[in-house]
Amino acid sequence: MQFDGRASKIMVVDHDRTTLEMMHLRLDVAGFHPMSARSGRAALEVLETSRPDALILERNLPEMCGLELLRAIAAMPGRPVPVLLVGRNLAAEDVRMGMQFGVRDCLAKPFSGAAVLERLNRMLKRSAASPAAARPVVHLNA
């Protein structure tokens, strides 16, 4: 049986409205069910009632940075959520810390929608094959 990650719920957390709209449209056209939040606090509110299959997370968020949000999500009950961490100037330390809390891949901004979909599909496939053994694969350049 071949894996098809489409129809998965994907949450995009980014403070930039244009990025959110572009990602929402791109995910929707690709067959995913996108959810979105413009801040870490807004994301936590959504996550109280809904658990996505994956998270696309901007590192530099207002109110609560992406790494703080990852810590809060890790403390929530339920299965771990694989995370694609995105941002400008991602530092190696950000990546190391993020990997402790569910980051499975990273992508530097600016990025193409195709690059996000490729990484998201790969991440979902690894997670579906073996959720406990899904190892991070980090690419710092698009």
N, C-alpha and C. Protein backbone atom coordinates (compact mmCIF):
# COMPACT_ATOMS: atom_id res chain seq x y z
N MET A 1 0.84 -1.18 0.00
CA MET A 1 0.00 0.00 0.00
C MET A 1 0.88 1.24 0.00
N GLN A 2 0.61 2.17 -0.90
CA GLN A 2 1.41 3.37 -1.01
C GLN A 2 0.85 4.47 -0.11
N PHE A 3 1.75 5.20 0.54
CA PHE A 3 1.35 6.29 1.42
C PHE A 3 0.86 7.48 0.61
N ASP A 4 -0.24 8.07 1.05
CA ASP A 4 -0.75 9.30 0.45
C ASP A 4 -1.10 10.24 1.60
N GLY A 5 -0.28 11.24 1.81
CA GLY A 5 -0.47 12.16 2.93
C GLY A 5 -1.56 13.18 2.72
N ARG A 6 -2.10 13.23 1.50
CA ARG A 6 -3.17 14.18 1.26
C ARG A 6 -4.34 13.87 2.17
N ALA A 7 -5.13 14.85 2.45
CA ALA A 7 -6.25 14.79 3.39
C ALA A 7 -5.78 14.94 4.83
N SER A 8 -4.48 15.06 5.03
CA SER A 8 -3.95 15.31 6.37
C SER A 8 -4.24 16.75 6.77
N LYS A 9 -4.46 16.94 8.08
CA LYS A 9 -4.64 18.30 8.61
C LYS A 9 -3.25 18.89 8.86
N ILE A 10 -3.01 20.04 8.26
CA ILE A 10 -1.71 20.71 8.40
C ILE A 10 -1.95 22.09 8.98
N MET A 11 -1.29 22.38 10.09
CA MET A 11 -1.40 23.70 10.69
C MET A 11 -0.19 24.53 10.31
N VAL A 12 -0.45 25.74 9.81
CA VAL A 12 0.60 26.69 9.46
C VAL A 12 0.56 27.81 10.48
N VAL A 13 1.69 28.07 11.13
CA VAL A 13 1.78 29.15 12.11
C VAL A 13 2.83 30.13 11.62
N ASP A 14 2.37 31.31 11.23
CA ASP A 14 3.27 32.35 10.72
C ASP A 14 2.61 33.70 10.94
N HIS A 15 3.38 34.69 11.34
CA HIS A 15 2.83 36.01 11.59
C HIS A 15 2.58 36.79 10.30
N ASP A 16 3.17 36.37 9.20
CA ASP A 16 3.03 37.07 7.93
C ASP A 16 1.77 36.62 7.19
N ARG A 17 0.84 37.54 7.01
CA ARG A 17 -0.44 37.22 6.38
C ARG A 17 -0.26 36.66 4.96
N THR A 18 0.65 37.24 4.19
CA THR A 18 0.88 36.78 2.82
C THR A 18 1.38 35.34 2.80
N THR A 19 2.32 35.03 3.67
CA THR A 19 2.83 33.66 3.75
C THR A 19 1.72 32.69 4.14
N LEU A 20 0.91 33.08 5.12
CA LEU A 20 -0.20 32.22 5.55
C LEU A 20 -1.17 31.96 4.40
N GLU A 21 -1.54 33.02 3.68
CA GLU A 21 -2.49 32.86 2.57
C GLU A 21 -1.91 31.99 1.47
N MET A 22 -0.62 32.21 1.13
CA MET A 22 0.02 31.41 0.09
C MET A 22 0.08 29.94 0.50
N MET A 23 0.47 29.68 1.74
CA MET A 23 0.58 28.30 2.20
C MET A 23 -0.80 27.64 2.30
N HIS A 24 -1.78 28.38 2.78
CA HIS A 24 -3.14 27.85 2.89
C HIS A 24 -3.65 27.42 1.51
N LEU A 25 -3.47 28.29 0.52
CA LEU A 25 -3.91 27.98 -0.84
C LEU A 25 -3.14 26.80 -1.41
N ARG A 26 -1.83 26.81 -1.25
CA ARG A 26 -0.99 25.74 -1.79
C ARG A 26 -1.35 24.38 -1.17
N LEU A 27 -1.55 24.36 0.13
CA LEU A 27 -1.93 23.12 0.82
C LEU A 27 -3.31 22.65 0.39
N ASP A 28 -4.25 23.57 0.27
CA ASP A 28 -5.61 23.23 -0.13
C ASP A 28 -5.63 22.63 -1.54
N VAL A 29 -4.94 23.26 -2.47
CA VAL A 29 -4.88 22.77 -3.85
C VAL A 29 -4.22 21.38 -3.89
N ALA A 30 -3.26 21.14 -3.01
CA ALA A 30 -2.57 19.84 -2.97
C ALA A 30 -3.40 18.76 -2.27
N GLY A 31 -4.57 19.11 -1.75
CA GLY A 31 -5.44 18.11 -1.13
C GLY A 31 -5.35 18.00 0.37
N PHE A 32 -4.56 18.86 1.00
CA PHE A 32 -4.47 18.86 2.46
C PHE A 32 -5.61 19.69 3.04
N HIS A 33 -5.79 19.57 4.34
CA HIS A 33 -6.77 20.39 5.06
C HIS A 33 -5.99 21.38 5.92
N PRO A 34 -5.78 22.61 5.40
CA PRO A 34 -4.96 23.57 6.14
C PRO A 34 -5.71 24.24 7.28
N MET A 35 -4.96 24.52 8.33
CA MET A 35 -5.41 25.31 9.48
C MET A 35 -4.34 26.38 9.64
N SER A 36 -4.69 27.50 10.24
CA SER A 36 -3.66 28.53 10.38
C SER A 36 -3.82 29.33 11.65
N ALA A 37 -2.70 29.92 12.05
CA ALA A 37 -2.66 30.81 13.22
C ALA A 37 -1.55 31.83 12.97
N ARG A 38 -1.76 33.06 13.45
CA ARG A 38 -0.77 34.12 13.22
C ARG A 38 0.14 34.37 14.42
N SER A 39 -0.04 33.61 15.49
CA SER A 39 0.83 33.76 16.65
C SER A 39 0.89 32.43 17.40
N GLY A 40 1.86 32.32 18.28
CA GLY A 40 1.98 31.12 19.09
C GLY A 40 0.78 30.92 20.00
N ARG A 41 0.30 32.00 20.58
CA ARG A 41 -0.86 31.90 21.47
C ARG A 41 -2.11 31.47 20.71
N ALA A 42 -2.30 32.03 19.52
CA ALA A 42 -3.45 31.63 18.69
C ALA A 42 -3.33 30.15 18.31
N ALA A 43 -2.12 29.70 18.03
CA ALA A 43 -1.92 28.28 17.69
C ALA A 43 -2.28 27.39 18.87
N LEU A 44 -1.88 27.77 20.07
CA LEU A 44 -2.21 26.97 21.26
C LEU A 44 -3.71 26.88 21.46
N GLU A 45 -4.43 27.97 21.20
CA GLU A 45 -5.89 27.94 21.33
C GLU A 45 -6.50 26.92 20.37
N VAL A 46 -6.03 26.90 19.14
CA VAL A 46 -6.53 25.94 18.16
C VAL A 46 -6.16 24.52 18.58
N LEU A 47 -4.93 24.34 19.07
CA LEU A 47 -4.45 23.01 19.43
C LEU A 47 -5.16 22.43 20.66
N GLU A 48 -5.85 23.26 21.42
CA GLU A 48 -6.62 22.75 22.55
C GLU A 48 -7.79 21.89 22.09
N THR A 49 -8.29 22.15 20.88
CA THR A 49 -9.46 21.43 20.39
C THR A 49 -9.20 20.59 19.14
N SER A 50 -8.07 20.80 18.50
CA SER A 50 -7.80 20.08 17.26
C SER A 50 -6.31 19.73 17.19
N ARG A 51 -6.01 18.52 16.76
CA ARG A 51 -4.61 18.08 16.66
C ARG A 51 -4.28 17.84 15.19
N PRO A 52 -3.42 18.67 14.60
CA PRO A 52 -3.07 18.46 13.19
C PRO A 52 -2.15 17.25 13.02
N ASP A 53 -2.02 16.82 11.78
CA ASP A 53 -1.11 15.72 11.46
C ASP A 53 0.33 16.21 11.33
N ALA A 54 0.49 17.50 11.06
CA ALA A 54 1.82 18.11 10.97
C ALA A 54 1.67 19.61 11.16
N LEU A 55 2.80 20.23 11.46
CA LEU A 55 2.84 21.66 11.74
C LEU A 55 3.95 22.30 10.91
N ILE A 56 3.63 23.40 10.24
CA ILE A 56 4.63 24.23 9.57
C ILE A 56 4.75 25.47 10.43
N LEU A 57 5.90 25.66 11.03
CA LEU A 57 6.06 26.66 12.08
C LEU A 57 7.15 27.66 11.77
N GLU A 58 6.80 28.94 11.81
CA GLU A 58 7.76 30.04 11.69
C GLU A 58 8.52 30.16 13.00
N ARG A 59 9.82 30.28 12.92
CA ARG A 59 10.66 30.40 14.12
C ARG A 59 10.40 31.71 14.87
N ASN A 60 10.28 32.81 14.14
CA ASN A 60 10.16 34.14 14.75
C ASN A 60 8.71 34.61 14.77
N LEU A 61 8.01 34.28 15.83
CA LEU A 61 6.61 34.67 16.00
C LEU A 61 6.49 35.76 17.05
N PRO A 62 5.44 36.58 16.94
CA PRO A 62 5.19 37.55 18.00
C PRO A 62 4.62 36.85 19.24
N GLU A 63 4.73 37.47 20.37
CA GLU A 63 4.19 37.00 21.65
C GLU A 63 4.93 35.78 22.21
N MET A 64 5.12 34.78 21.38
CA MET A 64 5.73 33.52 21.81
C MET A 64 6.51 32.99 20.61
N CYS A 65 7.82 32.85 20.75
CA CYS A 65 8.61 32.39 19.60
C CYS A 65 8.27 30.93 19.27
N GLY A 66 8.66 30.52 18.08
CA GLY A 66 8.36 29.17 17.64
C GLY A 66 8.89 28.09 18.57
N LEU A 67 10.07 28.31 19.14
CA LEU A 67 10.64 27.31 20.05
C LEU A 67 9.85 27.23 21.35
N GLU A 68 9.35 28.36 21.84
CA GLU A 68 8.50 28.34 23.04
C GLU A 68 7.20 27.59 22.74
N LEU A 69 6.66 27.82 21.55
CA LEU A 69 5.45 27.11 21.15
C LEU A 69 5.71 25.61 21.09
N LEU A 70 6.85 25.21 20.54
CA LEU A 70 7.19 23.79 20.49
C LEU A 70 7.24 23.16 21.87
N ARG A 71 7.82 23.87 22.83
CA ARG A 71 7.87 23.35 24.22
C ARG A 71 6.45 23.16 24.76
N ALA A 72 5.58 24.13 24.52
CA ALA A 72 4.21 24.05 25.01
C ALA A 72 3.46 22.89 24.35
N ILE A 73 3.67 22.69 23.07
CA ILE A 73 3.02 21.58 22.35
C ILE A 73 3.52 20.24 22.88
N ALA A 74 4.82 20.15 23.13
CA ALA A 74 5.40 18.90 23.64
C ALA A 74 4.82 18.52 24.99
N ALA A 75 4.41 19.51 25.77
CA ALA A 75 3.84 19.25 27.10
C ALA A 75 2.37 18.85 27.03
N MET A 76 1.74 19.00 25.86
CA MET A 76 0.33 18.65 25.72
C MET A 76 0.17 17.13 25.62
N PRO A 77 -0.95 16.61 26.11
CA PRO A 77 -1.19 15.17 25.97
C PRO A 77 -1.45 14.81 24.52
N GLY A 78 -1.21 13.57 24.19
CA GLY A 78 -1.49 13.10 22.83
C GLY A 78 -0.21 12.78 22.08
N ARG A 79 -0.40 12.37 20.86
CA ARG A 79 0.72 11.95 20.03
C ARG A 79 1.57 13.15 19.62
N PRO A 80 2.84 12.93 19.37
CA PRO A 80 3.70 14.02 18.91
C PRO A 80 3.31 14.46 17.50
N VAL A 81 3.50 15.72 17.22
CA VAL A 81 3.19 16.29 15.91
C VAL A 81 4.51 16.60 15.20
N PRO A 82 4.74 16.03 14.01
CA PRO A 82 5.96 16.36 13.29
C PRO A 82 5.92 17.82 12.83
N VAL A 83 7.07 18.49 12.90
CA VAL A 83 7.14 19.92 12.63
C VAL A 83 8.16 20.22 11.54
N LEU A 84 7.76 21.09 10.61
CA LEU A 84 8.66 21.69 9.63
C LEU A 84 8.91 23.11 10.11
N LEU A 85 10.12 23.39 10.56
CA LEU A 85 10.48 24.71 11.08
C LEU A 85 10.97 25.57 9.92
N VAL A 86 10.38 26.76 9.77
CA VAL A 86 10.78 27.68 8.71
C VAL A 86 11.18 29.02 9.30
N GLY A 87 11.99 29.75 8.58
CA GLY A 87 12.35 31.08 9.04
C GLY A 87 13.56 31.63 8.31
N ARG A 88 13.76 32.90 8.48
CA ARG A 88 14.96 33.56 7.97
C ARG A 88 16.05 33.39 9.01
N ASN A 89 17.26 33.19 8.57
CA ASN A 89 18.40 33.12 9.49
C ASN A 89 18.23 32.09 10.60
N LEU A 90 17.81 30.89 10.25
CA LEU A 90 17.71 29.83 11.26
C LEU A 90 19.12 29.49 11.74
N ALA A 91 19.32 29.56 13.02
CA ALA A 91 20.62 29.24 13.61
C ALA A 91 20.70 27.75 13.91
N ALA A 92 21.90 27.22 13.90
CA ALA A 92 22.10 25.80 14.21
C ALA A 92 21.54 25.47 15.59
N GLU A 93 21.67 26.38 16.54
CA GLU A 93 21.14 26.15 17.89
C GLU A 93 19.61 26.05 17.87
N ASP A 94 18.95 26.87 17.03
CA ASP A 94 17.49 26.77 16.89
C ASP A 94 17.10 25.39 16.41
N VAL A 95 17.83 24.89 15.43
CA VAL A 95 17.54 23.58 14.87
C VAL A 95 17.75 22.49 15.91
N ARG A 96 18.88 22.56 16.64
CA ARG A 96 19.14 21.55 17.68
C ARG A 96 18.05 21.56 18.75
N MET A 97 17.68 22.74 19.20
CA MET A 97 16.63 22.83 20.23
C MET A 97 15.30 22.33 19.68
N GLY A 98 14.98 22.72 18.46
CA GLY A 98 13.73 22.31 17.85
C GLY A 98 13.61 20.81 17.70
N MET A 99 14.72 20.15 17.38
CA MET A 99 14.69 18.70 17.19
C MET A 99 14.31 17.97 18.48
N GLN A 100 14.55 18.58 19.62
CA GLN A 100 14.15 17.98 20.89
C GLN A 100 12.63 18.00 21.07
N PHE A 101 11.96 18.89 20.32
CA PHE A 101 10.52 19.08 20.52
C PHE A 101 9.70 18.80 19.27
N GLY A 102 10.18 17.97 18.37
CA GLY A 102 9.36 17.54 17.25
C GLY A 102 9.73 18.06 15.88
N VAL A 103 10.74 18.92 15.77
CA VAL A 103 11.14 19.40 14.45
C VAL A 103 11.75 18.23 13.68
N ARG A 104 11.21 17.98 12.50
CA ARG A 104 11.68 16.88 11.66
C ARG A 104 12.42 17.38 10.43
N ASP A 105 12.23 18.66 10.09
CA ASP A 105 12.91 19.24 8.94
C ASP A 105 12.87 20.76 9.10
N CYS A 106 13.76 21.44 8.39
CA CYS A 106 13.84 22.90 8.44
C CYS A 106 13.94 23.43 7.02
N LEU A 107 13.46 24.65 6.84
CA LEU A 107 13.50 25.28 5.53
C LEU A 107 13.70 26.78 5.72
N ALA A 108 14.73 27.31 5.06
CA ALA A 108 15.01 28.74 5.17
C ALA A 108 14.10 29.54 4.24
N LYS A 109 13.65 30.70 4.73
CA LYS A 109 12.88 31.62 3.91
C LYS A 109 13.84 32.48 3.11
N PRO A 110 13.48 32.88 1.93
CA PRO A 110 12.24 32.56 1.23
C PRO A 110 12.30 31.14 0.65
N PHE A 111 11.14 30.51 0.53
CA PHE A 111 11.07 29.16 0.00
C PHE A 111 9.94 29.09 -1.01
N SER A 112 9.95 28.05 -1.80
CA SER A 112 8.86 27.85 -2.77
C SER A 112 7.80 26.94 -2.14
N GLY A 113 6.59 27.07 -2.62
CA GLY A 113 5.52 26.19 -2.17
C GLY A 113 5.84 24.75 -2.49
N ALA A 114 6.49 24.52 -3.63
CA ALA A 114 6.85 23.15 -4.02
C ALA A 114 7.83 22.54 -3.02
N ALA A 115 8.78 23.34 -2.54
CA ALA A 115 9.75 22.84 -1.56
C ALA A 115 9.06 22.46 -0.26
N VAL A 116 8.10 23.26 0.15
CA VAL A 116 7.35 22.95 1.38
C VAL A 116 6.57 21.66 1.20
N LEU A 117 5.87 21.51 0.08
CA LEU A 117 5.09 20.30 -0.15
C LEU A 117 5.97 19.06 -0.20
N GLU A 118 7.13 19.17 -0.83
CA GLU A 118 8.05 18.03 -0.90
C GLU A 118 8.49 17.61 0.50
N ARG A 119 8.87 18.56 1.31
CA ARG A 119 9.34 18.24 2.66
C ARG A 119 8.21 17.75 3.55
N LEU A 120 7.05 18.36 3.39
CA LEU A 120 5.89 17.96 4.18
C LEU A 120 5.50 16.52 3.86
N ASN A 121 5.43 16.18 2.59
CA ASN A 121 5.08 14.81 2.20
C ASN A 121 6.10 13.80 2.72
N ARG A 122 7.37 14.14 2.62
CA ARG A 122 8.42 13.25 3.11
C ARG A 122 8.30 13.06 4.63
N MET A 123 8.04 14.16 5.32
CA MET A 123 7.91 14.13 6.78
C MET A 123 6.70 13.28 7.20
N LEU A 124 5.57 13.47 6.52
CA LEU A 124 4.37 12.70 6.83
C LEU A 124 4.56 11.21 6.53
N LYS A 125 5.25 10.93 5.44
CA LYS A 125 5.49 9.53 5.07
C LYS A 125 6.35 8.84 6.13
N ARG A 126 7.42 9.50 6.57
CA ARG A 126 8.28 8.92 7.62
C ARG A 126 7.51 8.74 8.91
N SER A 127 6.69 9.72 9.24
CA SER A 127 5.92 9.66 10.48
C SER A 127 4.90 8.53 10.44
N ALA A 128 4.26 8.33 9.28
CA ALA A 128 3.27 7.27 9.15
C ALA A 128 3.92 5.89 9.18
N ALA A 129 5.12 5.79 8.60
CA ALA A 129 5.81 4.50 8.55
C ALA A 129 6.25 4.05 9.93
N SER A 130 6.72 4.97 10.73
CA SER A 130 7.21 4.63 12.06
C SER A 130 7.25 5.89 12.91
N PRO A 131 6.12 6.25 13.53
CA PRO A 131 6.06 7.49 14.30
C PRO A 131 7.15 7.63 15.35
N ALA A 132 7.48 6.56 16.03
CA ALA A 132 8.49 6.64 17.09
C ALA A 132 9.90 6.77 16.53
N ALA A 133 10.10 6.26 15.33
CA ALA A 133 11.45 6.25 14.76
C ALA A 133 11.68 7.36 13.74
N ALA A 134 10.71 8.26 13.57
CA ALA A 134 10.87 9.33 12.59
C ALA A 134 12.02 10.23 13.00
N ARG A 135 13.11 10.10 12.29
CA ARG A 135 14.30 10.88 12.61
C ARG A 135 14.29 12.20 11.86
N PRO A 136 14.81 13.24 12.50
CA PRO A 136 14.89 14.53 11.82
C PRO A 136 15.82 14.49 10.62
N VAL A 137 15.41 15.16 9.57
CA VAL A 137 16.25 15.38 8.40
C VAL A 137 16.29 16.87 8.21
N VAL A 138 17.45 17.46 8.37
CA VAL A 138 17.54 18.91 8.37
C VAL A 138 18.25 19.41 7.13
N HIS A 139 17.58 20.31 6.40
CA HIS A 139 18.13 20.98 5.23
C HIS A 139 18.04 22.47 5.52
N LEU A 140 19.16 23.13 5.68
CA LEU A 140 19.11 24.55 6.01
C LEU A 140 18.93 25.43 4.79
N ASN A 141 19.12 24.93 3.60
CA ASN A 141 18.92 25.72 2.39
C ASN A 141 17.86 25.08 1.53
N ALA A 142 17.08 25.93 0.86
CA ALA A 142 16.00 25.43 0.00
C ALA A 142 16.54 24.72 -1.21
